[in-house]
Amino acid sequence: MFLCLFCIRRLHQLVPHYLTTIYDDWFLDIRVKIEIILLDLLIWMKEWLCANGKVSKAVFLLIKFIDLVEEKEFIYDEIVDCYIKLDNNEKSEYWLNQKMQYLVE
């Protein structure tokens, strides 16, 4: 639990669209690496929370931090998975539609 709380605190320190003002290739490569780490961290926290019966909290975190990464497809999938676990078809369909809109853009 301590590790999950620590990760949540660190994610709260980030702001959406961080590192977007520099467009050098080397800097963009660093941003992609950071996003991969953040995505892995978000998915790990979601899995840990779900395994400990805190699926609603996992959904809240995924939605709260969805703007931290540019590639949102995987986060949409994780949100849909959580709502399926909560047996909430209406919300899972809503987030599936959000994913489809994101992919079309």
PDB file of N, CA and C in Angstrom:
ATOM      1  N   MET A   1       0.825  -1.195   0.000  1.00  0.00           N
ATOM      2  CA  MET A   1       0.000   0.000   0.000  1.00  0.00           C
ATOM      3  C   MET A   1       0.868   1.258   0.000  1.00  0.00           C
ATOM      4  N   PHE A   2       1.969   1.204   0.768  1.00  0.00           N
ATOM      5  CA  PHE A   2       2.851   2.369   0.852  1.00  0.00           C
ATOM      6  C   PHE A   2       3.382   2.757  -0.526  1.00  0.00           C
ATOM      7  N   LEU A   3       3.798   1.754  -1.302  1.00  0.00           N
ATOM      8  CA  LEU A   3       4.351   2.036  -2.624  1.00  0.00           C
ATOM      9  C   LEU A   3       3.297   2.677  -3.531  1.00  0.00           C
ATOM     10  N   CYS A   4       2.068   2.195  -3.454  1.00  0.00           N
ATOM     11  CA  CYS A   4       0.996   2.762  -4.273  1.00  0.00           C
ATOM     12  C   CYS A   4       0.736   4.217  -3.879  1.00  0.00           C
ATOM     13  N   LEU A   5       0.682   4.503  -2.589  1.00  0.00           N
ATOM     14  CA  LEU A   5       0.478   5.881  -2.131  1.00  0.00           C
ATOM     15  C   LEU A   5       1.630   6.787  -2.556  1.00  0.00           C
ATOM     16  N   PHE A   6       2.839   6.273  -2.480  1.00  0.00           N
ATOM     17  CA  PHE A   6       4.015   7.024  -2.920  1.00  0.00           C
ATOM     18  C   PHE A   6       3.898   7.378  -4.402  1.00  0.00           C
ATOM     19  N   CYS A   7       3.500   6.401  -5.221  1.00  0.00           N
ATOM     20  CA  CYS A   7       3.349   6.633  -6.664  1.00  0.00           C
ATOM     21  C   CYS A   7       2.266   7.659  -6.946  1.00  0.00           C
ATOM     22  N   ILE A   8       1.156   7.572  -6.220  1.00  0.00           N
ATOM     23  CA  ILE A   8       0.063   8.528  -6.417  1.00  0.00           C
ATOM     24  C   ILE A   8       0.541   9.939  -6.099  1.00  0.00           C
ATOM     25  N   ARG A   9       1.284  10.092  -5.006  1.00  0.00           N
ATOM     26  CA  ARG A   9       1.802  11.426  -4.653  1.00  0.00           C
ATOM     27  C   ARG A   9       2.708  11.970  -5.744  1.00  0.00           C
ATOM     28  N   ARG A  10       3.553  11.126  -6.301  1.00  0.00           N
ATOM     29  CA  ARG A  10       4.466  11.573  -7.348  1.00  0.00           C
ATOM     30  C   ARG A  10       3.698  11.957  -8.613  1.00  0.00           C
ATOM     31  N   LEU A  11       2.667  11.218  -8.944  1.00  0.00           N
ATOM     32  CA  LEU A  11       1.871  11.548 -10.127  1.00  0.00           C
ATOM     33  C   LEU A  11       1.145  12.872  -9.948  1.00  0.00           C
ATOM     34  N   HIS A  12       0.739  13.183  -8.726  1.00  0.00           N
ATOM     35  CA  HIS A  12       0.078  14.462  -8.467  1.00  0.00           C
ATOM     36  C   HIS A  12       1.022  15.642  -8.698  1.00  0.00           C
ATOM     37  N   GLN A  13       2.315  15.404  -8.685  1.00  0.00           N
ATOM     38  CA  GLN A  13       3.277  16.480  -8.902  1.00  0.00           C
ATOM     39  C   GLN A  13       3.406  16.839 -10.384  1.00  0.00           C
ATOM     40  N   LEU A  14       2.965  15.951 -11.243  1.00  0.00           N
ATOM     41  CA  LEU A  14       3.041  16.207 -12.681  1.00  0.00           C
ATOM     42  C   LEU A  14       1.816  16.993 -13.141  1.00  0.00           C
ATOM     43  N   VAL A  15       2.006  17.744 -14.178  1.00  0.00           N
ATOM     44  CA  VAL A  15       0.897  18.492 -14.763  1.00  0.00           C
ATOM     45  C   VAL A  15       0.668  17.966 -16.180  1.00  0.00           C
ATOM     46  N   PRO A  16      -0.585  18.028 -16.649  1.00  0.00           N
ATOM     47  CA  PRO A  16      -0.833  17.600 -18.034  1.00  0.00           C
ATOM     48  C   PRO A  16       0.009  18.412 -19.018  1.00  0.00           C
ATOM     49  N   HIS A  17       0.409  17.758 -20.075  1.00  0.00           N
ATOM     50  CA  HIS A  17       1.173  18.376 -21.159  1.00  0.00           C
ATOM     51  C   HIS A  17       2.547  18.876 -20.696  1.00  0.00           C
ATOM     52  N   TYR A  18       3.129  18.165 -19.752  1.00  0.00           N
ATOM     53  CA  TYR A  18       4.481  18.479 -19.305  1.00  0.00           C
ATOM     54  C   TYR A  18       5.454  18.191 -20.462  1.00  0.00           C
ATOM     55  N   LEU A  19       6.573  18.819 -20.451  1.00  0.00           N
ATOM     56  CA  LEU A  19       7.639  18.598 -21.443  1.00  0.00           C
ATOM     57  C   LEU A  19       7.171  18.749 -22.890  1.00  0.00           C
ATOM     58  N   THR A  20       6.301  19.693 -23.166  1.00  0.00           N
ATOM     59  CA  THR A  20       5.804  19.826 -24.544  1.00  0.00           C
ATOM     60  C   THR A  20       6.316  21.071 -25.249  1.00  0.00           C
ATOM     61  N   THR A  21       7.195  21.818 -24.624  1.00  0.00           N
ATOM     62  CA  THR A  21       7.627  23.069 -25.249  1.00  0.00           C
ATOM     63  C   THR A  21       8.891  22.929 -26.086  1.00  0.00           C
ATOM     64  N   ILE A  22       9.581  21.822 -25.966  1.00  0.00           N
ATOM     65  CA  ILE A  22      10.821  21.621 -26.733  1.00  0.00           C
ATOM     66  C   ILE A  22      10.574  20.520 -27.757  1.00  0.00           C
ATOM     67  N   TYR A  23      10.950  20.784 -29.005  1.00  0.00           N
ATOM     68  CA  TYR A  23      10.640  19.844 -30.076  1.00  0.00           C
ATOM     69  C   TYR A  23      11.881  19.228 -30.717  1.00  0.00           C
ATOM     70  N   ASP A  24      12.978  19.234 -30.012  1.00  0.00           N
ATOM     71  CA  ASP A  24      14.169  18.550 -30.517  1.00  0.00           C
ATOM     72  C   ASP A  24      13.933  17.041 -30.462  1.00  0.00           C
ATOM     73  N   ASP A  25      14.496  16.332 -31.418  1.00  0.00           N
ATOM     74  CA  ASP A  25      14.300  14.885 -31.471  1.00  0.00           C
ATOM     75  C   ASP A  25      14.770  14.182 -30.200  1.00  0.00           C
ATOM     76  N   TRP A  26      15.927  14.572 -29.689  1.00  0.00           N
ATOM     77  CA  TRP A  26      16.443  13.909 -28.491  1.00  0.00           C
ATOM     78  C   TRP A  26      15.530  14.143 -27.296  1.00  0.00           C
ATOM     79  N   PHE A  27      14.938  15.335 -27.222  1.00  0.00           N
ATOM     80  CA  PHE A  27      14.041  15.653 -26.113  1.00  0.00           C
ATOM     81  C   PHE A  27      12.728  14.879 -26.249  1.00  0.00           C
ATOM     82  N   LEU A  28      12.215  14.768 -27.454  1.00  0.00           N
ATOM     83  CA  LEU A  28      10.994  14.005 -27.689  1.00  0.00           C
ATOM     84  C   LEU A  28      11.205  12.523 -27.369  1.00  0.00           C
ATOM     85  N   ASP A  29      12.400  12.014 -27.647  1.00  0.00           N
ATOM     86  CA  ASP A  29      12.712  10.628 -27.288  1.00  0.00           C
ATOM     87  C   ASP A  29      12.661  10.431 -25.774  1.00  0.00           C
ATOM     88  N   ILE A  30      13.186  11.396 -25.046  1.00  0.00           N
ATOM     89  CA  ILE A  30      13.139  11.329 -23.580  1.00  0.00           C
ATOM     90  C   ILE A  30      11.692  11.358 -23.102  1.00  0.00           C
ATOM     91  N   ARG A  31      10.897  12.218 -23.699  1.00  0.00           N
ATOM     92  CA  ARG A  31       9.476  12.303 -23.320  1.00  0.00           C
ATOM     93  C   ARG A  31       8.768  10.970 -23.545  1.00  0.00           C
ATOM     94  N   VAL A  32       9.034  10.319 -24.663  1.00  0.00           N
ATOM     95  CA  VAL A  32       8.413   9.021 -24.949  1.00  0.00           C
ATOM     96  C   VAL A  32       8.823   8.000 -23.891  1.00  0.00           C
ATOM     97  N   LYS A  33      10.085   7.993 -23.517  1.00  0.00           N
ATOM     98  CA  LYS A  33      10.548   7.051 -22.481  1.00  0.00           C
ATOM     99  C   LYS A  33       9.862   7.319 -21.142  1.00  0.00           C
ATOM    100  N   ILE A  34       9.701   8.587 -20.807  1.00  0.00           N
ATOM    101  CA  ILE A  34       9.016   8.948 -19.560  1.00  0.00           C
ATOM    102  C   ILE A  34       7.559   8.515 -19.626  1.00  0.00           C
ATOM    103  N   GLU A  35       6.919   8.713 -20.757  1.00  0.00           N
ATOM    104  CA  GLU A  35       5.519   8.314 -20.893  1.00  0.00           C
ATOM    105  C   GLU A  35       5.348   6.809 -20.762  1.00  0.00           C
ATOM    106  N   ILE A  36       6.269   6.040 -21.281  1.00  0.00           N
ATOM    107  CA  ILE A  36       6.203   4.581 -21.152  1.00  0.00           C
ATOM    108  C   ILE A  36       6.284   4.190 -19.681  1.00  0.00           C
ATOM    109  N   ILE A  37       7.173   4.831 -18.954  1.00  0.00           N
ATOM    110  CA  ILE A  37       7.299   4.560 -17.520  1.00  0.00           C
ATOM    111  C   ILE A  37       6.018   4.952 -16.786  1.00  0.00           C
ATOM    112  N   LEU A  38       5.461   6.125 -17.107  1.00  0.00           N
ATOM    113  CA  LEU A  38       4.212   6.566 -16.473  1.00  0.00           C
ATOM    114  C   LEU A  38       3.057   5.620 -16.788  1.00  0.00           C
ATOM    115  N   LEU A  39       2.979   5.179 -18.024  1.00  0.00           N
ATOM    116  CA  LEU A  39       1.926   4.253 -18.411  1.00  0.00           C
ATOM    117  C   LEU A  39       2.065   2.938 -17.650  1.00  0.00           C
ATOM    118  N   ASP A  40       3.277   2.420 -17.565  1.00  0.00           N
ATOM    119  CA  ASP A  40       3.516   1.205 -16.793  1.00  0.00           C
ATOM    120  C   ASP A  40       3.125   1.396 -15.333  1.00  0.00           C
ATOM    121  N   LEU A  41       3.459   2.548 -14.780  1.00  0.00           N
ATOM    122  CA  LEU A  41       3.128   2.850 -13.389  1.00  0.00           C
ATOM    123  C   LEU A  41       1.613   2.921 -13.187  1.00  0.00           C
ATOM    124  N   LEU A  42       0.911   3.593 -14.079  1.00  0.00           N
ATOM    125  CA  LEU A  42      -0.544   3.686 -13.969  1.00  0.00           C
ATOM    126  C   LEU A  42      -1.201   2.311 -14.065  1.00  0.00           C
ATOM    127  N   ILE A  43      -0.736   1.495 -14.978  1.00  0.00           N
ATOM    128  CA  ILE A  43      -1.307   0.154 -15.136  1.00  0.00           C
ATOM    129  C   ILE A  43      -0.985  -0.706 -13.913  1.00  0.00           C
ATOM    130  N   TRP A  44       0.234  -0.597 -13.388  1.00  0.00           N
ATOM    131  CA  TRP A  44       0.580  -1.340 -12.176  1.00  0.00           C
ATOM    132  C   TRP A  44      -0.318  -0.929 -11.016  1.00  0.00           C
ATOM    133  N   MET A  45      -0.526   0.390 -10.842  1.00  0.00           N
ATOM    134  CA  MET A  45      -1.381   0.868  -9.748  1.00  0.00           C
ATOM    135  C   MET A  45      -2.811   0.377  -9.941  1.00  0.00           C
ATOM    136  N   LYS A  46      -3.303   0.401 -11.160  1.00  0.00           N
ATOM    137  CA  LYS A  46      -4.658  -0.093 -11.443  1.00  0.00           C
ATOM    138  C   LYS A  46      -4.773  -1.563 -11.072  1.00  0.00           C
ATOM    139  N   GLU A  47      -3.803  -2.373 -11.480  1.00  0.00           N
ATOM    140  CA  GLU A  47      -3.848  -3.802 -11.178  1.00  0.00           C
ATOM    141  C   GLU A  47      -3.771  -4.055  -9.678  1.00  0.00           C
ATOM    142  N   TRP A  48      -2.915  -3.310  -8.982  1.00  0.00           N
ATOM    143  CA  TRP A  48      -2.781  -3.479  -7.534  1.00  0.00           C
ATOM    144  C   TRP A  48      -4.077  -3.102  -6.825  1.00  0.00           C
ATOM    145  N   LEU A  49      -4.653  -1.964  -7.206  1.00  0.00           N
ATOM    146  CA  LEU A  49      -5.900  -1.527  -6.583  1.00  0.00           C
ATOM    147  C   LEU A  49      -7.037  -2.511  -6.862  1.00  0.00           C
ATOM    148  N   CYS A  50      -7.134  -2.991  -8.090  1.00  0.00           N
ATOM    149  CA  CYS A  50      -8.184  -3.966  -8.425  1.00  0.00           C
ATOM    150  C   CYS A  50      -7.998  -5.267  -7.650  1.00  0.00           C
ATOM    151  N   ALA A  51      -6.771  -5.710  -7.526  1.00  0.00           N
ATOM    152  CA  ALA A  51      -6.489  -6.946  -6.781  1.00  0.00           C
ATOM    153  C   ALA A  51      -6.837  -6.798  -5.305  1.00  0.00           C
ATOM    154  N   ASN A  52      -6.836  -5.563  -4.817  1.00  0.00           N
ATOM    155  CA  ASN A  52      -7.156  -5.311  -3.413  1.00  0.00           C
ATOM    156  C   ASN A  52      -8.572  -4.768  -3.217  1.00  0.00           C
ATOM    157  N   GLY A  53      -9.429  -4.993  -4.221  1.00  0.00           N
ATOM    158  CA  GLY A  53     -10.834  -4.641  -4.109  1.00  0.00           C
ATOM    159  C   GLY A  53     -11.144  -3.159  -4.194  1.00  0.00           C
ATOM    160  N   LYS A  54     -10.255  -2.383  -4.759  1.00  0.00           N
ATOM    161  CA  LYS A  54     -10.456  -0.934  -4.862  1.00  0.00           C
ATOM    162  C   LYS A  54     -10.568  -0.516  -6.327  1.00  0.00           C
ATOM    163  N   VAL A  55     -11.498  -1.155  -7.023  1.00  0.00           N
ATOM    164  CA  VAL A  55     -11.655  -0.921  -8.455  1.00  0.00           C
ATOM    165  C   VAL A  55     -12.098   0.519  -8.728  1.00  0.00           C
ATOM    166  N   SER A  56     -13.000   1.042  -7.898  1.00  0.00           N
ATOM    167  CA  SER A  56     -13.467   2.430  -8.096  1.00  0.00           C
ATOM    168  C   SER A  56     -12.324   3.421  -7.965  1.00  0.00           C
ATOM    169  N   LYS A  57     -11.427   3.183  -7.020  1.00  0.00           N
ATOM    170  CA  LYS A  57     -10.269   4.067  -6.863  1.00  0.00           C
ATOM    171  C   LYS A  57      -9.339   3.960  -8.080  1.00  0.00           C
ATOM    172  N   ALA A  58      -9.213   2.750  -8.625  1.00  0.00           N
ATOM    173  CA  ALA A  58      -8.392   2.555  -9.819  1.00  0.00           C
ATOM    174  C   ALA A  58      -8.962   3.368 -10.987  1.00  0.00           C
ATOM    175  N   VAL A  59     -10.283   3.331 -11.157  1.00  0.00           N
ATOM    176  CA  VAL A  59     -10.924   4.112 -12.219  1.00  0.00           C
ATOM    177  C   VAL A  59     -10.655   5.595 -12.016  1.00  0.00           C
ATOM    178  N   PHE A  60     -10.829   6.054 -10.789  1.00  0.00           N
ATOM    179  CA  PHE A  60     -10.607   7.467 -10.473  1.00  0.00           C
ATOM    180  C   PHE A  60      -9.188   7.891 -10.856  1.00  0.00           C
ATOM    181  N   LEU A  61      -8.194   7.080 -10.499  1.00  0.00           N
ATOM    182  CA  LEU A  61      -6.803   7.427 -10.819  1.00  0.00           C
ATOM    183  C   LEU A  61      -6.547   7.432 -12.327  1.00  0.00           C
ATOM    184  N   LEU A  62      -7.062   6.443 -13.016  1.00  0.00           N
ATOM    185  CA  LEU A  62      -6.857   6.392 -14.468  1.00  0.00           C
ATOM    186  C   LEU A  62      -7.464   7.605 -15.158  1.00  0.00           C
ATOM    187  N   ILE A  63      -8.674   7.973 -14.750  1.00  0.00           N
ATOM    188  CA  ILE A  63      -9.324   9.139 -15.356  1.00  0.00           C
ATOM    189  C   ILE A  63      -8.579  10.421 -14.991  1.00  0.00           C
ATOM    190  N   LYS A  64      -8.157  10.520 -13.747  1.00  0.00           N
ATOM    191  CA  LYS A  64      -7.459  11.726 -13.286  1.00  0.00           C
ATOM    192  C   LYS A  64      -6.148  11.945 -14.040  1.00  0.00           C
ATOM    193  N   PHE A  65      -5.438  10.874 -14.325  1.00  0.00           N
ATOM    194  CA  PHE A  65      -4.112  11.008 -14.923  1.00  0.00           C
ATOM    195  C   PHE A  65      -4.077  10.683 -16.412  1.00  0.00           C
ATOM    196  N   ILE A  66      -5.225  10.609 -17.062  1.00  0.00           N
ATOM    197  CA  ILE A  66      -5.257  10.263 -18.487  1.00  0.00           C
ATOM    198  C   ILE A  66      -4.526  11.302 -19.342  1.00  0.00           C
ATOM    199  N   ASP A  67      -4.492  12.544 -18.892  1.00  0.00           N
ATOM    200  CA  ASP A  67      -3.838  13.597 -19.683  1.00  0.00           C
ATOM    201  C   ASP A  67      -2.327  13.671 -19.479  1.00  0.00           C
ATOM    202  N   LEU A  68      -1.774  12.773 -18.677  1.00  0.00           N
ATOM    203  CA  LEU A  68      -0.320  12.775 -18.489  1.00  0.00           C
ATOM    204  C   LEU A  68       0.423  12.159 -19.673  1.00  0.00           C
ATOM    205  N   VAL A  69      -0.285  11.387 -20.480  1.00  0.00           N
ATOM    206  CA  VAL A  69       0.366  10.733 -21.608  1.00  0.00           C
ATOM    207  C   VAL A  69      -0.332  11.109 -22.907  1.00  0.00           C
ATOM    208  N   GLU A  70       0.428  11.122 -23.966  1.00  0.00           N
ATOM    209  CA  GLU A  70      -0.132  11.437 -25.278  1.00  0.00           C
ATOM    210  C   GLU A  70      -0.874  10.228 -25.857  1.00  0.00           C
ATOM    211  N   GLU A  71      -0.316   9.048 -25.665  1.00  0.00           N
ATOM    212  CA  GLU A  71      -0.925   7.816 -26.183  1.00  0.00           C
ATOM    213  C   GLU A  71      -1.904   7.276 -25.150  1.00  0.00           C
ATOM    214  N   LYS A  72      -3.171   7.643 -25.289  1.00  0.00           N
ATOM    215  CA  LYS A  72      -4.181   7.336 -24.285  1.00  0.00           C
ATOM    216  C   LYS A  72      -4.908   6.009 -24.519  1.00  0.00           C
ATOM    217  N   GLU A  73      -4.678   5.360 -25.636  1.00  0.00           N
ATOM    218  CA  GLU A  73      -5.424   4.157 -25.997  1.00  0.00           C
ATOM    219  C   GLU A  73      -5.395   3.100 -24.895  1.00  0.00           C
ATOM    220  N   PHE A  74      -4.227   2.867 -24.319  1.00  0.00           N
ATOM    221  CA  PHE A  74      -4.107   1.830 -23.295  1.00  0.00           C
ATOM    222  C   PHE A  74      -4.834   2.218 -22.010  1.00  0.00           C
ATOM    223  N   ILE A  75      -4.847   3.492 -21.697  1.00  0.00           N
ATOM    224  CA  ILE A  75      -5.556   3.937 -20.492  1.00  0.00           C
ATOM    225  C   ILE A  75      -7.060   3.766 -20.687  1.00  0.00           C
ATOM    226  N   TYR A  76      -7.560   4.090 -21.867  1.00  0.00           N
ATOM    227  CA  TYR A  76      -8.975   3.851 -22.144  1.00  0.00           C
ATOM    228  C   TYR A  76      -9.317   2.372 -21.959  1.00  0.00           C
ATOM    229  N   ASP A  77      -8.444   1.494 -22.455  1.00  0.00           N
ATOM    230  CA  ASP A  77      -8.672   0.054 -22.289  1.00  0.00           C
ATOM    231  C   ASP A  77      -8.737  -0.332 -20.812  1.00  0.00           C
ATOM    232  N   GLU A  78      -7.852   0.240 -20.008  1.00  0.00           N
ATOM    233  CA  GLU A  78      -7.832  -0.081 -18.579  1.00  0.00           C
ATOM    234  C   GLU A  78      -9.082   0.441 -17.866  1.00  0.00           C
ATOM    235  N   ILE A  79      -9.556   1.628 -18.263  1.00  0.00           N
ATOM    236  CA  ILE A  79     -10.783   2.180 -17.675  1.00  0.00           C
ATOM    237  C   ILE A  79     -11.973   1.288 -18.028  1.00  0.00           C
ATOM    238  N   VAL A  80     -12.067   0.875 -19.297  1.00  0.00           N
ATOM    239  CA  VAL A  80     -13.146  -0.020 -19.716  1.00  0.00           C
ATOM    240  C   VAL A  80     -13.084  -1.317 -18.922  1.00  0.00           C
ATOM    241  N   ASP A  81     -11.883  -1.863 -18.740  1.00  0.00           N
ATOM    242  CA  ASP A  81     -11.711  -3.095 -17.971  1.00  0.00           C
ATOM    243  C   ASP A  81     -12.222  -2.926 -16.534  1.00  0.00           C
ATOM    244  N   CYS A  82     -11.935  -1.794 -15.930  1.00  0.00           N
ATOM    245  CA  CYS A  82     -12.402  -1.539 -14.563  1.00  0.00           C
ATOM    246  C   CYS A  82     -13.924  -1.498 -14.504  1.00  0.00           C
ATOM    247  N   TYR A  83     -14.535  -0.804 -15.450  1.00  0.00           N
ATOM    248  CA  TYR A  83     -15.998  -0.724 -15.436  1.00  0.00           C
ATOM    249  C   TYR A  83     -16.638  -2.080 -15.720  1.00  0.00           C
ATOM    250  N   ILE A  84     -15.985  -2.913 -16.501  1.00  0.00           N
ATOM    251  CA  ILE A  84     -16.480  -4.271 -16.704  1.00  0.00           C
ATOM    252  C   ILE A  84     -16.415  -5.026 -15.377  1.00  0.00           C
ATOM    253  N   LYS A  85     -15.321  -4.865 -14.636  1.00  0.00           N
ATOM    254  CA  LYS A  85     -15.197  -5.507 -13.320  1.00  0.00           C
ATOM    255  C   LYS A  85     -16.264  -5.004 -12.352  1.00  0.00           C
ATOM    256  N   LEU A  86     -16.643  -3.730 -12.495  1.00  0.00           N
ATOM    257  CA  LEU A  86     -17.686  -3.159 -11.645  1.00  0.00           C
ATOM    258  C   LEU A  86     -19.094  -3.487 -12.167  1.00  0.00           C
ATOM    259  N   ASP A  87     -19.164  -4.213 -13.290  1.00  0.00           N
ATOM    260  CA  ASP A  87     -20.425  -4.595 -13.917  1.00  0.00           C
ATOM    261  C   ASP A  87     -21.257  -3.358 -14.278  1.00  0.00           C
ATOM    262  N   ASN A  88     -20.569  -2.340 -14.806  1.00  0.00           N
ATOM    263  CA  ASN A  88     -21.236  -1.102 -15.204  1.00  0.00           C
ATOM    264  C   ASN A  88     -21.098  -0.962 -16.721  1.00  0.00           C
ATOM    265  N   ASN A  89     -22.037  -1.580 -17.432  1.00  0.00           N
ATOM    266  CA  ASN A  89     -21.976  -1.594 -18.899  1.00  0.00           C
ATOM    267  C   ASN A  89     -22.119  -0.213 -19.515  1.00  0.00           C
ATOM    268  N   GLU A  90     -22.928   0.633 -18.900  1.00  0.00           N
ATOM    269  CA  GLU A  90     -23.138   1.976 -19.433  1.00  0.00           C
ATOM    270  C   GLU A  90     -21.832   2.762 -19.457  1.00  0.00           C
ATOM    271  N   LYS A  91     -21.102   2.745 -18.352  1.00  0.00           N
ATOM    272  CA  LYS A  91     -19.830   3.494 -18.287  1.00  0.00           C
ATOM    273  C   LYS A  91     -18.755   2.833 -19.151  1.00  0.00           C
ATOM    274  N   SER A  92     -18.748   1.507 -19.207  1.00  0.00           N
ATOM    275  CA  SER A  92     -17.742   0.849 -20.052  1.00  0.00           C
ATOM    276  C   SER A  92     -17.976   1.190 -21.521  1.00  0.00           C
ATOM    277  N   GLU A  93     -19.245   1.260 -21.952  1.00  0.00           N
ATOM    278  CA  GLU A  93     -19.545   1.659 -23.328  1.00  0.00           C
ATOM    279  C   GLU A  93     -19.169   3.119 -23.571  1.00  0.00           C
ATOM    280  N   TYR A  94     -19.423   3.977 -22.571  1.00  0.00           N
ATOM    281  CA  TYR A  94     -19.057   5.383 -22.700  1.00  0.00           C
ATOM    282  C   TYR A  94     -17.558   5.529 -22.935  1.00  0.00           C
ATOM    283  N   TRP A  95     -16.738   4.839 -22.133  1.00  0.00           N
ATOM    284  CA  TRP A  95     -15.288   4.961 -22.273  1.00  0.00           C
ATOM    285  C   TRP A  95     -14.769   4.271 -23.529  1.00  0.00           C
ATOM    286  N   LEU A  96     -15.459   3.247 -23.968  1.00  0.00           N
ATOM    287  CA  LEU A  96     -15.097   2.630 -25.242  1.00  0.00           C
ATOM    288  C   LEU A  96     -15.351   3.613 -26.382  1.00  0.00           C
ATOM    289  N   ASN A  97     -16.456   4.347 -26.299  1.00  0.00           N
ATOM    290  CA  ASN A  97     -16.739   5.386 -27.296  1.00  0.00           C
ATOM    291  C   ASN A  97     -15.711   6.517 -27.228  1.00  0.00           C
ATOM    292  N   GLN A  98     -15.285   6.890 -26.010  1.00  0.00           N
ATOM    293  CA  GLN A  98     -14.241   7.904 -25.860  1.00  0.00           C
ATOM    294  C   GLN A  98     -12.954   7.447 -26.546  1.00  0.00           C
ATOM    295  N   LYS A  99     -12.637   6.171 -26.389  1.00  0.00           N
ATOM    296  CA  LYS A  99     -11.439   5.607 -27.031  1.00  0.00           C
ATOM    297  C   LYS A  99     -11.568   5.705 -28.545  1.00  0.00           C
ATOM    298  N   MET A 100     -12.725   5.355 -29.063  1.00  0.00           N
ATOM    299  CA  MET A 100     -12.932   5.397 -30.520  1.00  0.00           C
ATOM    300  C   MET A 100     -12.804   6.830 -31.041  1.00  0.00           C
ATOM    301  N   GLN A 101     -13.348   7.786 -30.321  1.00  0.00           N
ATOM    302  CA  GLN A 101     -13.215   9.193 -30.714  1.00  0.00           C
ATOM    303  C   GLN A 101     -11.754   9.620 -30.697  1.00  0.00           C
ATOM    304  N   TYR A 102     -11.029   9.178 -29.683  1.00  0.00           N
ATOM    305  CA  TYR A 102      -9.604   9.509 -29.579  1.00  0.00           C
ATOM    306  C   TYR A 102      -8.842   8.929 -30.773  1.00  0.00           C
ATOM    307  N   LEU A 103      -9.146   7.700 -31.151  1.00  0.00           N
ATOM    308  CA  LEU A 103      -8.445   7.060 -32.264  1.00  0.00           C
ATOM    309  C   LEU A 103      -8.752   7.713 -33.599  1.00  0.00           C
ATOM    310  N   VAL A 104      -9.947   8.259 -33.734  1.00  0.00           N
ATOM    311  CA  VAL A 104     -10.331   8.927 -34.979  1.00  0.00           C
ATOM    312  C   VAL A 104      -9.623  10.275 -35.112  1.00  0.00           C
ATOM    313  N   GLU A 105      -9.419  10.952 -34.000  1.00  0.00           N
ATOM    314  CA  GLU A 105      -8.788  12.282 -34.043  1.00  0.00           C
ATOM    315  C   GLU A 105      -7.433  12.201 -34.580  1.00  0.00           C
TER     316      GLU A 105
END
